[in-house]
Amino acid sequence: MKKLLPCLIRMLLLLVATIVVSGNLFAQSIQVKGIVNDDSNQPLPGVSVVIKGTHSGTITGSNGTFTITVTAGQTLEFSSIG
């Protein structure tokens, strides 16, 4: 029994550490929501919103809104023709 207790304690600590680390990994994804407006504060539909250095992105809706999921530290690029 005395030999089993240290083993159980180590397994419990390993389980707790695993849960903490995996929670931090998942917490790094961020959902970014926004509205793209022009100089006169009017919404801009059809603006491309892309994560810099990737092919992942979205386009603003008819009211200029967008939602995109990024990881901490990524940069968004906005572009529009016209």
Protein backbone atom coordinates (compact mmCIF):
# COMPACT_ATOMS: atom_id res chain seq x y z
CA MET A 1 0.00 0.00 0.00
CA LYS A 2 2.86 2.39 0.84
CA LYS A 3 4.41 1.84 -2.61
CA LEU A 4 1.07 2.38 -4.34
CA LEU A 5 0.39 5.80 -2.80
CA PRO A 6 3.36 7.66 -4.39
CA CYS A 7 2.46 6.16 -7.75
CA LEU A 8 -1.15 7.32 -7.44
CA ILE A 9 -0.02 10.80 -6.41
CA ARG A 10 2.28 11.03 -9.45
CA MET A 11 -0.52 9.87 -11.76
CA LEU A 12 -2.91 12.43 -10.25
CA LEU A 13 -0.37 15.25 -10.69
CA LEU A 14 0.24 14.19 -14.28
CA LEU A 15 -3.51 14.22 -14.96
CA VAL A 16 -3.91 17.70 -13.45
CA ALA A 17 -0.93 19.02 -15.43
CA THR A 18 -2.35 17.58 -18.66
CA ILE A 19 -5.73 19.24 -18.07
CA VAL A 20 -4.11 22.62 -17.32
CA VAL A 21 -1.84 22.51 -20.37
CA SER A 22 -4.60 21.43 -22.78
CA GLY A 23 -6.89 24.15 -21.42
CA ASN A 24 -4.24 26.75 -22.22
CA LEU A 25 -3.76 25.41 -25.74
CA PHE A 26 -7.45 25.69 -26.56
CA ALA A 27 -7.69 29.15 -25.00
CA GLN A 28 -5.35 30.56 -27.65
CA SER A 29 -8.05 30.57 -30.35
CA ILE A 30 -9.87 33.88 -30.53
CA GLN A 31 -13.05 34.71 -32.43
CA VAL A 32 -12.71 38.21 -33.87
CA LYS A 33 -15.89 40.07 -34.84
CA GLY A 34 -15.93 43.50 -36.42
CA ILE A 35 -17.44 45.98 -38.84
CA VAL A 36 -15.52 47.53 -41.72
CA ASN A 37 -16.57 51.13 -42.44
CA ASP A 38 -15.45 53.73 -44.98
CA ASP A 39 -14.28 57.27 -44.17
CA SER A 40 -17.87 58.48 -43.82
CA ASN A 41 -18.64 55.63 -41.38
CA GLN A 42 -20.74 53.68 -43.91
CA PRO A 43 -20.43 49.86 -43.84
CA LEU A 44 -18.35 48.27 -46.60
CA PRO A 45 -19.69 44.95 -47.97
CA GLY A 46 -17.45 42.50 -49.83
CA VAL A 47 -14.16 43.43 -48.12
CA SER A 48 -11.72 40.51 -47.95
CA VAL A 49 -10.45 39.71 -44.44
CA VAL A 50 -7.53 37.24 -44.49
CA ILE A 51 -5.16 35.94 -41.82
CA LYS A 52 -1.74 37.21 -42.94
CA GLY A 53 0.45 34.47 -44.40
CA THR A 54 -2.44 32.01 -44.87
CA HIS A 55 -5.30 31.34 -47.27
CA SER A 56 -7.82 31.46 -44.41
CA GLY A 57 -10.26 34.31 -44.49
CA THR A 58 -13.75 35.64 -44.92
CA ILE A 59 -15.65 38.45 -46.63
CA THR A 60 -17.68 41.17 -44.96
CA GLY A 61 -21.45 40.88 -45.26
CA SER A 62 -23.87 43.43 -46.69
CA ASN A 63 -23.69 45.39 -43.42
CA GLY A 64 -19.86 45.33 -43.30
CA THR A 65 -19.67 42.74 -40.51
CA PHE A 66 -17.25 39.82 -40.33
CA THR A 67 -16.33 37.00 -37.95
CA ILE A 68 -13.09 35.03 -38.12
CA THR A 69 -11.26 32.68 -35.76
CA VAL A 70 -7.55 33.35 -35.27
CA THR A 71 -4.85 32.26 -32.86
CA ALA A 72 -3.08 34.70 -30.58
CA GLY A 73 -0.50 36.79 -32.41
CA GLN A 74 -1.91 36.46 -35.93
CA THR A 75 -2.53 39.57 -38.04
CA LEU A 76 -5.57 40.32 -40.18
CA GLU A 77 -5.27 41.89 -43.62
CA PHE A 78 -8.17 43.80 -45.19
CA SER A 79 -8.48 44.46 -48.91
CA SER A 80 -11.10 45.73 -51.30
CA ILE A 81 -11.25 46.46 -55.01
CA GLY A 82 -12.86 49.75 -55.91
